[in-house]
Amino acid sequence: MRVSFAGGGSDLPGVARQDGGRVVGAAIDLRVRAIVEPFDRGWVRLELAARGEGRTKPPPAEGAGAEGGRVLLRRRADPPRDDLAFRLLEATLSATGVGDGVALRVESETSPGAGLGGSASVAVAALFALRASVGEAVTPEDLAREAVAIERERLCNACGAQDQVFAAFGGLLDLTFDAGGCSGVRPLAIGCPDLLPALSAGLLLVDTEVRRVSGDVLDRMDAGSACDAKAELVAAAGEVARGFEIGSLSLVLSGMRRGAAAKVRLSRAASAIALSLERRLDGLGVEVLRMCGAGGGGHILLWAPAERHARILEALGPRLVRRPALGAPGVRLDAG
C-alpha cells in the first residue's frame, strides 16, 4: 500500500487533464497477498481475508471461511455476482480470462476503505498472480495501467492513478499525471542518507476506524474546488521532491504541511476527522497532520519528532497506530 506526502488529488482525471498533476510518496510495508490455485472444473472460488487489524475478529458470518474471511463460490457459467466486496476480484478474472477451475484468495493487512490504496493493491496483486498462473509476464507499467482501467472503466469508480503505480513499482516515487493517467515514474532522488530514517522515525499512521469507499468521497467533492486546489497540490509535491533532492527534512515537512492545507481547502468535509484530531492534539508538537487518500475516514498521517510520540500516543488513547516503513518493494511473485 502507500502514503503520499503531497499532491494526492492532482492525479484525478478531471484535475490532471488541466496542466497535469504530480504526487510524491512511498510504498509502505502494509501488503496484499493474492493466492491463485487450481479448483474444481466448472467452478470459481473467491475469498477475501483481512489480516493484522489489531482487533478481535468478529464471529464468522454466513459465507465465511474457516478463518473468518468472506467466500464466494459459483459455477463457471453463472454471471459474476454484483456483491460489492467481490466486484473487484470478478473484474480481474474477466480481464485476465481466467474464469474456470480457479480459486483466488486475497489477504490484506488492512480492511477495505483504510485510505492507503488497498483496493488498488488488491487489483495489482490479483492481476499479477492470475497472469503468472497462466505463464503471462507483465511489466509494472502495464500492470498499473490495467488496474486503473479496471477500477475506472469496468467498475466505474472515481479514482486517481497513483495507488496502482505505488503497488506495482514500490519504492519512493515522484509521479506525474496527465489526462491519460500516469505519464512519468521517477524514483525520488535523496540527497542525504540521514533524511529517510529521520522522516520515517517521526511518522505515525492513526487508524480512524472509519471505513469508506473512496469513490463515494470523491464523487461528493466539488470539481471546481479540486481544480482550484490543483496548483497548490502540485506545488506542494514539488517542494517535497526538492526537499528530498537536497536532503532537507525541514523542506520536506514544509511541503507536506502545504499539501495538507490544500487538501483541507479541497474539501473540509472530507478532512473533518483530521481537523477534529488536530484540535485534540494541539500543543503536543505535531508538525504534519493530514488525511490519507480521499479522506472521510481511513487513516490520518502524523509527523512529529520521536521524542514527542509518547504524549501524542497517550492523547490518542486506544486507537490503532502504525509506524510505516517507507520504500517497500512493489509487486513480486512467490511461486511457492
C-alpha atoms as a PDB file:
ATOM      1  CA  MET A   1       0.000   0.000   0.000  1.00  0.00           C
ATOM      2  CA  ARG A   2       1.123   3.632   0.056  1.00  0.00           C
ATOM      3  CA  VAL A   3       1.230   7.018   1.707  1.00  0.00           C
ATOM      4  CA  SER A   4       1.511  10.172  -0.374  1.00  0.00           C
ATOM      5  CA  PHE A   5       3.488  13.037   1.125  1.00  0.00           C
ATOM      6  CA  ALA A   6       1.943  15.675  -1.146  1.00  0.00           C
ATOM      7  CA  GLY A   7      -0.020  16.049  -4.378  1.00  0.00           C
ATOM      8  CA  GLY A   8      -2.750  13.490  -3.780  1.00  0.00           C
ATOM      9  CA  GLY A   9      -5.873  14.601  -5.644  1.00  0.00           C
ATOM     10  CA  SER A  10      -3.961  16.112  -8.559  1.00  0.00           C
ATOM     11  CA  ASP A  11      -3.895  12.619 -10.121  1.00  0.00           C
ATOM     12  CA  LEU A  12      -7.679  12.555 -10.582  1.00  0.00           C
ATOM     13  CA  PRO A  13      -8.503  12.508 -14.310  1.00  0.00           C
ATOM     14  CA  GLY A  14     -10.657  15.648 -14.289  1.00  0.00           C
ATOM     15  CA  VAL A  15      -7.926  17.544 -12.439  1.00  0.00           C
ATOM     16  CA  ALA A  16      -4.815  16.170 -14.137  1.00  0.00           C
ATOM     17  CA  ARG A  17      -6.037  16.994 -17.647  1.00  0.00           C
ATOM     18  CA  GLN A  18      -5.642  20.679 -16.784  1.00  0.00           C
ATOM     19  CA  ASP A  19      -1.875  21.277 -16.876  1.00  0.00           C
ATOM     20  CA  GLY A  20      -1.022  17.911 -15.313  1.00  0.00           C
ATOM     21  CA  GLY A  21      -0.709  16.529 -11.795  1.00  0.00           C
ATOM     22  CA  ARG A  22       2.118  15.432  -9.516  1.00  0.00           C
ATOM     23  CA  VAL A  23       2.275  13.129  -6.484  1.00  0.00           C
ATOM     24  CA  VAL A  24       5.284  12.380  -4.285  1.00  0.00           C
ATOM     25  CA  GLY A  25       5.030   9.439  -1.895  1.00  0.00           C
ATOM     26  CA  ALA A  26       6.145   5.976  -0.885  1.00  0.00           C
ATOM     27  CA  ALA A  27       5.037   2.381  -0.877  1.00  0.00           C
ATOM     28  CA  ILE A  28       4.811   1.129   2.724  1.00  0.00           C
ATOM     29  CA  ASP A  29       5.134  -2.234   4.407  1.00  0.00           C
ATOM     30  CA  LEU A  30       1.389  -2.973   4.566  1.00  0.00           C
ATOM     31  CA  ARG A  31       0.736  -5.557   1.906  1.00  0.00           C
ATOM     32  CA  VAL A  32      -1.857  -7.509  -0.025  1.00  0.00           C
ATOM     33  CA  ARG A  33      -1.226 -11.152  -0.913  1.00  0.00           C
ATOM     34  CA  ALA A  34      -3.073 -12.891  -3.757  1.00  0.00           C
ATOM     35  CA  ILE A  35      -3.002 -16.704  -3.924  1.00  0.00           C
ATOM     36  CA  VAL A  36      -4.122 -18.493  -7.094  1.00  0.00           C
ATOM     37  CA  GLU A  37      -4.704 -22.259  -7.040  1.00  0.00           C
ATOM     38  CA  PRO A  38      -6.450 -24.834  -9.222  1.00  0.00           C
ATOM     39  CA  PHE A  39     -10.032 -25.608  -8.244  1.00  0.00           C
ATOM     40  CA  ASP A  40     -12.786 -27.956  -9.392  1.00  0.00           C
ATOM     41  CA  ARG A  41     -13.532 -27.659 -13.105  1.00  0.00           C
ATOM     42  CA  GLY A  42     -16.676 -25.682 -13.741  1.00  0.00           C
ATOM     43  CA  TRP A  43     -16.346 -23.680 -10.521  1.00  0.00           C
ATOM     44  CA  VAL A  44     -14.851 -20.405  -9.298  1.00  0.00           C
ATOM     45  CA  ARG A  45     -13.951 -19.770  -5.665  1.00  0.00           C
ATOM     46  CA  LEU A  46     -13.124 -16.265  -4.371  1.00  0.00           C
ATOM     47  CA  GLU A  47     -12.062 -15.421  -0.835  1.00  0.00           C
ATOM     48  CA  LEU A  48     -11.254 -12.165   0.963  1.00  0.00           C
ATOM     49  CA  ALA A  49      -9.485 -12.073   4.316  1.00  0.00           C
ATOM     50  CA  ALA A  50      -8.207  -9.118   6.389  1.00  0.00           C
ATOM     51  CA  ARG A  51      -5.027  -9.548   8.427  1.00  0.00           C
ATOM     52  CA  GLY A  52      -3.229  -7.510  11.059  1.00  0.00           C
ATOM     53  CA  GLU A  53      -6.067  -5.153  12.039  1.00  0.00           C
ATOM     54  CA  GLY A  54      -5.111  -5.404  15.685  1.00  0.00           C
ATOM     55  CA  ARG A  55      -8.735  -6.047  16.661  1.00  0.00           C
ATOM     56  CA  THR A  56     -10.644  -9.024  17.958  1.00  0.00           C
ATOM     57  CA  LYS A  57     -12.144 -10.740  14.941  1.00  0.00           C
ATOM     58  CA  PRO A  58     -15.938 -10.900  14.754  1.00  0.00           C
ATOM     59  CA  PRO A  59     -17.559 -14.322  14.571  1.00  0.00           C
ATOM     60  CA  PRO A  60     -17.692 -15.744  11.037  1.00  0.00           C
ATOM     61  CA  ALA A  61     -20.767 -14.730   9.090  1.00  0.00           C
ATOM     62  CA  GLU A  62     -22.652 -16.769   6.543  1.00  0.00           C
ATOM     63  CA  GLY A  63     -20.396 -17.403   3.592  1.00  0.00           C
ATOM     64  CA  ALA A  64     -17.313 -17.062   5.774  1.00  0.00           C
ATOM     65  CA  GLY A  65     -14.207 -19.179   5.522  1.00  0.00           C
ATOM     66  CA  ALA A  66     -12.637 -21.090   8.348  1.00  0.00           C
ATOM     67  CA  GLU A  67     -10.640 -18.015   9.455  1.00  0.00           C
ATOM     68  CA  GLY A  68     -13.477 -15.522   9.167  1.00  0.00           C
ATOM     69  CA  GLY A  69     -12.793 -14.391   5.585  1.00  0.00           C
ATOM     70  CA  ARG A  70     -15.643 -13.919   3.122  1.00  0.00           C
ATOM     71  CA  VAL A  71     -16.073 -16.624   0.481  1.00  0.00           C
ATOM     72  CA  LEU A  72     -17.953 -16.628  -2.810  1.00  0.00           C
ATOM     73  CA  LEU A  73     -18.461 -19.937  -4.640  1.00  0.00           C
ATOM     74  CA  ARG A  74     -20.182 -20.022  -8.029  1.00  0.00           C
ATOM     75  CA  ARG A  75     -20.426 -22.124 -11.152  1.00  0.00           C
ATOM     76  CA  ARG A  76     -18.307 -21.010 -14.113  1.00  0.00           C
ATOM     77  CA  ALA A  77     -21.388 -20.369 -16.251  1.00  0.00           C
ATOM     78  CA  ASP A  78     -23.086 -18.207 -13.602  1.00  0.00           C
ATOM     79  CA  PRO A  79     -22.848 -14.441 -14.158  1.00  0.00           C
ATOM     80  CA  PRO A  80     -20.378 -12.657 -11.884  1.00  0.00           C
ATOM     81  CA  ARG A  81     -22.020 -11.647  -8.619  1.00  0.00           C
ATOM     82  CA  ASP A  82     -22.641  -7.939  -8.108  1.00  0.00           C
ATOM     83  CA  ASP A  83     -21.515  -8.184  -4.488  1.00  0.00           C
ATOM     84  CA  LEU A  84     -19.562  -5.018  -3.647  1.00  0.00           C
ATOM     85  CA  ALA A  85     -16.926  -6.978  -1.732  1.00  0.00           C
ATOM     86  CA  PHE A  86     -16.157  -9.222  -4.725  1.00  0.00           C
ATOM     87  CA  ARG A  87     -16.720  -6.959  -7.759  1.00  0.00           C
ATOM     88  CA  LEU A  88     -13.013  -6.089  -7.986  1.00  0.00           C
ATOM     89  CA  LEU A  89     -11.930  -9.740  -7.962  1.00  0.00           C
ATOM     90  CA  GLU A  90     -14.587 -10.653 -10.520  1.00  0.00           C
ATOM     91  CA  ALA A  91     -13.265  -7.845 -12.749  1.00  0.00           C
ATOM     92  CA  THR A  92      -9.689  -9.178 -12.528  1.00  0.00           C
ATOM     93  CA  LEU A  93     -10.901 -12.647 -13.549  1.00  0.00           C
ATOM     94  CA  SER A  94     -12.717 -11.143 -16.520  1.00  0.00           C
ATOM     95  CA  ALA A  95      -9.715  -9.020 -17.553  1.00  0.00           C
ATOM     96  CA  THR A  96      -7.308 -11.975 -17.498  1.00  0.00           C
ATOM     97  CA  GLY A  97      -9.670 -14.577 -18.966  1.00  0.00           C
ATOM     98  CA  VAL A  98      -9.028 -16.908 -16.029  1.00  0.00           C
ATOM     99  CA  GLY A  99     -12.544 -17.973 -15.175  1.00  0.00           C
ATOM    100  CA  ASP A 100     -12.826 -21.731 -14.750  1.00  0.00           C
ATOM    101  CA  GLY A 101     -11.435 -24.125 -12.177  1.00  0.00           C
ATOM    102  CA  VAL A 102      -9.714 -21.378 -10.223  1.00  0.00           C
ATOM    103  CA  ALA A 103      -9.514 -20.349  -6.580  1.00  0.00           C
ATOM    104  CA  LEU A 104      -8.370 -16.797  -5.834  1.00  0.00           C
ATOM    105  CA  ARG A 105      -7.726 -15.837  -2.219  1.00  0.00           C
ATOM    106  CA  VAL A 106      -6.752 -12.278  -1.310  1.00  0.00           C
ATOM    107  CA  GLU A 107      -5.296 -11.471   2.103  1.00  0.00           C
ATOM    108  CA  SER A 108      -4.960  -7.821   3.116  1.00  0.00           C
ATOM    109  CA  GLU A 109      -3.240  -6.351   6.158  1.00  0.00           C
ATOM    110  CA  THR A 110      -5.994  -3.729   6.446  1.00  0.00           C
ATOM    111  CA  SER A 111      -9.711  -3.877   5.824  1.00  0.00           C
ATOM    112  CA  PRO A 112     -11.183  -2.084   2.757  1.00  0.00           C
ATOM    113  CA  GLY A 113     -11.621   1.682   2.981  1.00  0.00           C
ATOM    114  CA  ALA A 114      -8.455   2.324   5.006  1.00  0.00           C
ATOM    115  CA  GLY A 115      -7.280   5.200   2.782  1.00  0.00           C
ATOM    116  CA  LEU A 116      -3.940   3.580   1.942  1.00  0.00           C
ATOM    117  CA  GLY A 117      -4.620   2.405  -1.610  1.00  0.00           C
ATOM    118  CA  GLY A 118      -5.861  -1.018  -0.579  1.00  0.00           C
ATOM    119  CA  SER A 119      -8.262  -1.628  -3.474  1.00  0.00           C
ATOM    120  CA  ALA A 120      -5.543  -0.733  -5.987  1.00  0.00           C
ATOM    121  CA  SER A 121      -3.156  -3.112  -4.221  1.00  0.00           C
ATOM    122  CA  VAL A 122      -5.777  -5.865  -4.433  1.00  0.00           C
ATOM    123  CA  ALA A 123      -6.223  -5.245  -8.164  1.00  0.00           C
ATOM    124  CA  VAL A 124      -2.469  -5.204  -8.831  1.00  0.00           C
ATOM    125  CA  ALA A 125      -1.797  -8.323  -6.754  1.00  0.00           C
ATOM    126  CA  ALA A 126      -4.715 -10.278  -8.229  1.00  0.00           C
ATOM    127  CA  LEU A 127      -3.874  -9.322 -11.829  1.00  0.00           C
ATOM    128  CA  PHE A 128      -0.216 -10.207 -11.357  1.00  0.00           C
ATOM    129  CA  ALA A 129      -0.980 -13.566  -9.709  1.00  0.00           C
ATOM    130  CA  LEU A 130      -3.639 -14.553 -12.238  1.00  0.00           C
ATOM    131  CA  ARG A 131      -1.432 -13.702 -15.222  1.00  0.00           C
ATOM    132  CA  ALA A 132       1.520 -15.526 -13.668  1.00  0.00           C
ATOM    133  CA  SER A 133      -0.682 -18.600 -13.107  1.00  0.00           C
ATOM    134  CA  VAL A 134      -1.103 -18.950 -16.899  1.00  0.00           C
ATOM    135  CA  GLY A 135       2.500 -18.071 -17.705  1.00  0.00           C
ATOM    136  CA  GLU A 136       1.954 -14.453 -18.762  1.00  0.00           C
ATOM    137  CA  ALA A 137       4.617 -11.895 -17.862  1.00  0.00           C
ATOM    138  CA  VAL A 138       3.555  -8.285 -17.299  1.00  0.00           C
ATOM    139  CA  THR A 139       5.547  -5.104 -16.686  1.00  0.00           C
ATOM    140  CA  PRO A 140       4.820  -2.793 -13.742  1.00  0.00           C
ATOM    141  CA  GLU A 141       3.715  -0.096 -16.217  1.00  0.00           C
ATOM    142  CA  ASP A 142       1.166  -2.370 -17.875  1.00  0.00           C
ATOM    143  CA  LEU A 143       0.034  -3.773 -14.547  1.00  0.00           C
ATOM    144  CA  ALA A 144      -0.662  -0.324 -13.103  1.00  0.00           C
ATOM    145  CA  ARG A 145      -2.429   0.790 -16.288  1.00  0.00           C
ATOM    146  CA  GLU A 146      -4.652  -2.303 -16.337  1.00  0.00           C
ATOM    147  CA  ALA A 147      -5.524  -1.931 -12.651  1.00  0.00           C
ATOM    148  CA  VAL A 148      -6.563   1.702 -13.217  1.00  0.00           C
ATOM    149  CA  ALA A 149      -8.704   0.697 -16.193  1.00  0.00           C
ATOM    150  CA  ILE A 150     -10.462  -1.972 -14.140  1.00  0.00           C
ATOM    151  CA  GLU A 151     -11.461   0.487 -11.428  1.00  0.00           C
ATOM    152  CA  ARG A 152     -12.386   3.370 -13.733  1.00  0.00           C
ATOM    153  CA  GLU A 153     -13.888   1.616 -16.737  1.00  0.00           C
ATOM    154  CA  ARG A 154     -15.160  -1.760 -15.549  1.00  0.00           C
ATOM    155  CA  LEU A 155     -16.287  -0.696 -12.068  1.00  0.00           C
ATOM    156  CA  CYS A 156     -16.975   2.997 -12.825  1.00  0.00           C
ATOM    157  CA  ASN A 157     -15.167   4.101  -9.677  1.00  0.00           C
ATOM    158  CA  ALA A 158     -13.955   7.674  -9.326  1.00  0.00           C
ATOM    159  CA  CYS A 159     -10.277   7.183  -8.541  1.00  0.00           C
ATOM    160  CA  GLY A 160      -6.852   8.591  -9.213  1.00  0.00           C
ATOM    161  CA  ALA A 161      -3.947   6.671 -10.685  1.00  0.00           C
ATOM    162  CA  GLN A 162      -1.252   6.918  -8.015  1.00  0.00           C
ATOM    163  CA  ASP A 163      -2.193   3.908  -5.852  1.00  0.00           C
ATOM    164  CA  GLN A 164      -1.793   1.378  -8.633  1.00  0.00           C
ATOM    165  CA  VAL A 165       1.661   2.741  -9.541  1.00  0.00           C
ATOM    166  CA  PHE A 166       2.939   2.538  -5.969  1.00  0.00           C
ATOM    167  CA  ALA A 167       1.601  -1.024  -5.678  1.00  0.00           C
ATOM    168  CA  ALA A 168       3.219  -2.128  -8.929  1.00  0.00           C
ATOM    169  CA  PHE A 169       6.577  -0.336  -8.675  1.00  0.00           C
ATOM    170  CA  GLY A 170       7.168   0.073  -4.937  1.00  0.00           C
ATOM    171  CA  GLY A 171       9.825   2.389  -3.525  1.00  0.00           C
ATOM    172  CA  LEU A 172       9.797   6.168  -3.109  1.00  0.00           C
ATOM    173  CA  LEU A 173       8.391   7.805  -6.216  1.00  0.00           C
ATOM    174  CA  ASP A 174       7.826  11.151  -7.890  1.00  0.00           C
ATOM    175  CA  LEU A 175       4.861  10.681 -10.251  1.00  0.00           C
ATOM    176  CA  THR A 176       3.429  12.939 -12.933  1.00  0.00           C
ATOM    177  CA  PHE A 177      -0.032  12.699 -14.471  1.00  0.00           C
ATOM    178  CA  ASP A 178      -1.957  13.931 -17.485  1.00  0.00           C
ATOM    179  CA  ALA A 179      -5.389  13.235 -18.952  1.00  0.00           C
ATOM    180  CA  GLY A 180      -4.273   9.729 -19.949  1.00  0.00           C
ATOM    181  CA  GLY A 181      -3.140   8.723 -16.460  1.00  0.00           C
ATOM    182  CA  CYS A 182       0.377   8.385 -15.091  1.00  0.00           C
ATOM    183  CA  SER A 183       2.797   9.985 -17.538  1.00  0.00           C
ATOM    184  CA  GLY A 184       6.050   9.628 -15.599  1.00  0.00           C
ATOM    185  CA  VAL A 185       7.512   7.441 -12.837  1.00  0.00           C
ATOM    186  CA  ARG A 186      10.739   8.677 -11.282  1.00  0.00           C
ATOM    187  CA  PRO A 187      12.436   7.292  -8.172  1.00  0.00           C
ATOM    188  CA  LEU A 188      12.898  10.087  -5.655  1.00  0.00           C
ATOM    189  CA  ALA A 189      16.422  11.474  -5.536  1.00  0.00           C
ATOM    190  CA  ILE A 190      17.582  11.534  -1.915  1.00  0.00           C
ATOM    191  CA  GLY A 191      20.404  13.973  -1.298  1.00  0.00           C
ATOM    192  CA  CYS A 192      21.287  12.889   2.249  1.00  0.00           C
ATOM    193  CA  PRO A 193      21.352   9.309   3.627  1.00  0.00           C
ATOM    194  CA  ASP A 194      20.086  10.517   7.020  1.00  0.00           C
ATOM    195  CA  LEU A 195      16.922  12.091   5.599  1.00  0.00           C
ATOM    196  CA  LEU A 196      14.796   8.976   5.108  1.00  0.00           C
ATOM    197  CA  PRO A 197      15.488   7.498   8.588  1.00  0.00           C
ATOM    198  CA  ALA A 198      14.706  10.883  10.157  1.00  0.00           C
ATOM    199  CA  LEU A 199      11.451  11.191   8.228  1.00  0.00           C
ATOM    200  CA  SER A 200      10.446   7.609   8.994  1.00  0.00           C
ATOM    201  CA  ALA A 201      11.189   7.963  12.709  1.00  0.00           C
ATOM    202  CA  GLY A 202       8.582  10.699  13.039  1.00  0.00           C
ATOM    203  CA  LEU A 203       5.728   9.151  11.052  1.00  0.00           C
ATOM    204  CA  LEU A 204       2.607   7.701  12.643  1.00  0.00           C
ATOM    205  CA  LEU A 205      -0.448   6.307  10.839  1.00  0.00           C
ATOM    206  CA  VAL A 206      -3.541   6.694  13.004  1.00  0.00           C
ATOM    207  CA  ASP A 207      -6.498   4.451  12.205  1.00  0.00           C
ATOM    208  CA  THR A 208      -9.755   6.429  12.479  1.00  0.00           C
ATOM    209  CA  GLU A 209     -11.687   3.119  12.493  1.00  0.00           C
ATOM    210  CA  VAL A 210     -13.995   4.729   9.897  1.00  0.00           C
ATOM    211  CA  ARG A 211     -14.104   2.824   6.635  1.00  0.00           C
ATOM    212  CA  ARG A 212     -15.481   4.361   3.452  1.00  0.00           C
ATOM    213  CA  VAL A 213     -15.495   3.897  -0.325  1.00  0.00           C
ATOM    214  CA  SER A 214     -13.051   6.453  -1.714  1.00  0.00           C
ATOM    215  CA  GLY A 215     -15.045   6.817  -4.936  1.00  0.00           C
ATOM    216  CA  ASP A 216     -18.084   7.922  -2.928  1.00  0.00           C
ATOM    217  CA  VAL A 217     -15.997  10.573  -1.141  1.00  0.00           C
ATOM    218  CA  LEU A 218     -14.562  11.830  -4.435  1.00  0.00           C
ATOM    219  CA  ASP A 219     -17.996  11.927  -6.065  1.00  0.00           C
ATOM    220  CA  ARG A 220     -19.139  14.382  -3.372  1.00  0.00           C
ATOM    221  CA  MET A 221     -16.225  16.774  -3.946  1.00  0.00           C
ATOM    222  CA  ASP A 222     -16.794  19.910  -5.971  1.00  0.00           C
ATOM    223  CA  ALA A 223     -14.944  19.645  -9.291  1.00  0.00           C
ATOM    224  CA  GLY A 224     -14.265  23.380  -9.364  1.00  0.00           C
ATOM    225  CA  SER A 225     -12.662  23.299  -5.927  1.00  0.00           C
ATOM    226  CA  ALA A 226     -10.495  20.377  -6.981  1.00  0.00           C
ATOM    227  CA  CYS A 227      -9.178  22.270  -9.990  1.00  0.00           C
ATOM    228  CA  ASP A 228      -8.651  25.420  -7.904  1.00  0.00           C
ATOM    229  CA  ALA A 229      -6.587  23.463  -5.359  1.00  0.00           C
ATOM    230  CA  LYS A 230      -4.609  21.581  -8.024  1.00  0.00           C
ATOM    231  CA  ALA A 231      -1.872  24.197  -8.474  1.00  0.00           C
ATOM    232  CA  GLU A 232      -1.179  24.229  -4.744  1.00  0.00           C
ATOM    233  CA  LEU A 233      -1.210  20.419  -4.553  1.00  0.00           C
ATOM    234  CA  VAL A 234       1.314  20.203  -7.396  1.00  0.00           C
ATOM    235  CA  ALA A 235       3.472  22.948  -5.881  1.00  0.00           C
ATOM    236  CA  ALA A 236       3.483  21.104  -2.542  1.00  0.00           C
ATOM    237  CA  ALA A 237       4.608  17.895  -4.277  1.00  0.00           C
ATOM    238  CA  GLY A 238       7.422  19.835  -5.948  1.00  0.00           C
ATOM    239  CA  GLU A 239       8.511  21.263  -2.592  1.00  0.00           C
ATOM    240  CA  VAL A 240       8.648  17.790  -1.043  1.00  0.00           C
ATOM    241  CA  ALA A 241      10.610  16.419  -4.006  1.00  0.00           C
ATOM    242  CA  ARG A 242      13.056  19.317  -3.757  1.00  0.00           C
ATOM    243  CA  GLY A 243      13.466  18.638  -0.037  1.00  0.00           C
ATOM    244  CA  PHE A 244      14.384  15.032  -0.747  1.00  0.00           C
ATOM    245  CA  GLU A 245      16.760  16.080  -3.502  1.00  0.00           C
ATOM    246  CA  ILE A 246      18.764  18.487  -1.325  1.00  0.00           C
ATOM    247  CA  GLY A 247      18.450  16.387   1.842  1.00  0.00           C
ATOM    248  CA  SER A 248      16.360  18.907   3.781  1.00  0.00           C
ATOM    249  CA  LEU A 249      13.889  17.402   6.254  1.00  0.00           C
ATOM    250  CA  SER A 250      12.501  20.863   7.065  1.00  0.00           C
ATOM    251  CA  LEU A 251      11.655  21.459   3.387  1.00  0.00           C
ATOM    252  CA  VAL A 252      10.029  18.008   3.085  1.00  0.00           C
ATOM    253  CA  LEU A 253       7.855  18.760   6.129  1.00  0.00           C
ATOM    254  CA  SER A 254       7.039  22.234   4.823  1.00  0.00           C
ATOM    255  CA  GLY A 255       5.809  20.705   1.569  1.00  0.00           C
ATOM    256  CA  MET A 256       3.767  18.117   3.459  1.00  0.00           C
ATOM    257  CA  ARG A 257       2.096  20.875   5.526  1.00  0.00           C
ATOM    258  CA  ARG A 258       1.409  22.830   2.353  1.00  0.00           C
ATOM    259  CA  GLY A 259      -0.196  19.791   0.750  1.00  0.00           C
ATOM    260  CA  ALA A 260      -2.264  19.099   3.884  1.00  0.00           C
ATOM    261  CA  ALA A 261      -3.612  22.663   3.856  1.00  0.00           C
ATOM    262  CA  ALA A 262      -4.501  22.334   0.168  1.00  0.00           C
ATOM    263  CA  LYS A 263      -6.445  19.128   0.846  1.00  0.00           C
ATOM    264  CA  VAL A 264      -8.448  20.885   3.555  1.00  0.00           C
ATOM    265  CA  ARG A 265      -9.318  23.627   1.065  1.00  0.00           C
ATOM    266  CA  LEU A 266     -10.237  20.920  -1.426  1.00  0.00           C
ATOM    267  CA  SER A 267     -12.877  19.535   0.959  1.00  0.00           C
ATOM    268  CA  ARG A 268     -13.307  20.445   4.621  1.00  0.00           C
ATOM    269  CA  ALA A 269     -15.949  17.731   4.911  1.00  0.00           C
ATOM    270  CA  ALA A 270     -13.521  15.019   3.774  1.00  0.00           C
ATOM    271  CA  SER A 271     -10.924  16.380   6.222  1.00  0.00           C
ATOM    272  CA  ALA A 272     -13.322  16.803   9.172  1.00  0.00           C
ATOM    273  CA  ILE A 273     -11.895  13.898  11.189  1.00  0.00           C
ATOM    274  CA  ALA A 274      -8.355  15.192  10.711  1.00  0.00           C
ATOM    275  CA  LEU A 275      -9.373  18.706  11.755  1.00  0.00           C
ATOM    276  CA  SER A 276     -11.007  17.333  14.884  1.00  0.00           C
ATOM    277  CA  LEU A 277      -7.913  15.323  15.752  1.00  0.00           C
ATOM    278  CA  GLU A 278      -5.702  18.340  15.098  1.00  0.00           C
ATOM    279  CA  ARG A 279      -7.614  20.286  17.748  1.00  0.00           C
ATOM    280  CA  ARG A 280      -7.323  17.383  20.148  1.00  0.00           C
ATOM    281  CA  LEU A 281      -3.541  17.177  19.715  1.00  0.00           C
ATOM    282  CA  ASP A 282      -2.975  20.922  19.811  1.00  0.00           C
ATOM    283  CA  GLY A 283       0.121  21.795  21.845  1.00  0.00           C
ATOM    284  CA  LEU A 284       1.718  18.346  21.614  1.00  0.00           C
ATOM    285  CA  GLY A 285       4.173  19.239  18.858  1.00  0.00           C
ATOM    286  CA  VAL A 286       2.544  17.562  15.837  1.00  0.00           C
ATOM    287  CA  GLU A 287       4.146  19.199  12.790  1.00  0.00           C
ATOM    288  CA  VAL A 288       2.153  17.489   9.995  1.00  0.00           C
ATOM    289  CA  LEU A 289      -1.375  16.093  10.195  1.00  0.00           C
ATOM    290  CA  ARG A 290      -3.388  15.098   7.144  1.00  0.00           C
ATOM    291  CA  MET A 291      -5.979  12.614   5.916  1.00  0.00           C
ATOM    292  CA  CYS A 292      -4.687   9.752   3.787  1.00  0.00           C
ATOM    293  CA  GLY A 293      -6.362   9.016   0.486  1.00  0.00           C
ATOM    294  CA  ALA A 294      -9.655  10.700  -0.381  1.00  0.00           C
ATOM    295  CA  GLY A 295     -10.462  11.490   3.256  1.00  0.00           C
ATOM    296  CA  GLY A 296     -13.753  10.897   5.017  1.00  0.00           C
ATOM    297  CA  GLY A 297     -12.154   8.209   7.197  1.00  0.00           C
ATOM    298  CA  GLY A 298      -9.424   5.641   6.833  1.00  0.00           C
ATOM    299  CA  HIS A 299      -6.045   6.710   8.250  1.00  0.00           C
ATOM    300  CA  ILE A 300      -4.505  10.012   9.311  1.00  0.00           C
ATOM    301  CA  LEU A 301      -0.794  10.622   8.751  1.00  0.00           C
ATOM    302  CA  LEU A 302       1.072  12.426  11.545  1.00  0.00           C
ATOM    303  CA  TRP A 303       4.664  13.594  11.781  1.00  0.00           C
ATOM    304  CA  ALA A 304       6.334  14.716  14.984  1.00  0.00           C
ATOM    305  CA  PRO A 305       9.844  14.263  16.408  1.00  0.00           C
ATOM    306  CA  ALA A 306      10.088  10.814  18.003  1.00  0.00           C
ATOM    307  CA  GLU A 307      10.597  12.268  21.499  1.00  0.00           C
ATOM    308  CA  ARG A 308       7.062  13.718  21.336  1.00  0.00           C
ATOM    309  CA  HIS A 309       5.400  10.434  20.397  1.00  0.00           C
ATOM    310  CA  ALA A 310       4.729   9.212  23.941  1.00  0.00           C
ATOM    311  CA  ARG A 311       2.500  12.196  24.759  1.00  0.00           C
ATOM    312  CA  ILE A 312       0.821  12.013  21.350  1.00  0.00           C
ATOM    313  CA  LEU A 313       0.073   8.307  21.734  1.00  0.00           C
ATOM    314  CA  GLU A 314      -1.311   8.909  25.216  1.00  0.00           C
ATOM    315  CA  ALA A 315      -3.638  11.582  23.847  1.00  0.00           C
ATOM    316  CA  LEU A 316      -4.752   9.282  21.021  1.00  0.00           C
ATOM    317  CA  GLY A 317      -5.943   6.692  23.535  1.00  0.00           C
ATOM    318  CA  PRO A 318      -6.751   3.162  22.327  1.00  0.00           C
ATOM    319  CA  ARG A 319      -6.629   3.934  18.602  1.00  0.00           C
ATOM    320  CA  LEU A 320      -4.569   1.595  16.436  1.00  0.00           C
ATOM    321  CA  VAL A 321      -1.383   3.421  15.398  1.00  0.00           C
ATOM    322  CA  ARG A 322       1.030   2.062  12.804  1.00  0.00           C
ATOM    323  CA  ARG A 323       4.638   3.075  12.184  1.00  0.00           C
ATOM    324  CA  PRO A 324       5.077   2.610   8.440  1.00  0.00           C
ATOM    325  CA  ALA A 325       8.362   1.569   6.853  1.00  0.00           C
ATOM    326  CA  LEU A 326       8.862   3.650   3.715  1.00  0.00           C
ATOM    327  CA  GLY A 327      10.069   2.447   0.322  1.00  0.00           C
ATOM    328  CA  ALA A 328       8.700  -1.100   0.431  1.00  0.00           C
ATOM    329  CA  PRO A 329       9.152  -3.187  -2.744  1.00  0.00           C
ATOM    330  CA  GLY A 330       6.415  -3.404  -5.326  1.00  0.00           C
ATOM    331  CA  VAL A 331       4.561  -6.452  -6.621  1.00  0.00           C
ATOM    332  CA  ARG A 332       6.556  -9.665  -6.690  1.00  0.00           C
ATOM    333  CA  LEU A 333       5.967 -13.372  -7.222  1.00  0.00           C
ATOM    334  CA  ASP A 334       6.372 -16.188  -4.725  1.00  0.00           C
ATOM    335  CA  ALA A 335       5.912 -19.332  -6.762  1.00  0.00           C
ATOM    336  CA  GLY A 336       5.844 -21.478  -3.611  1.00  0.00           C
END
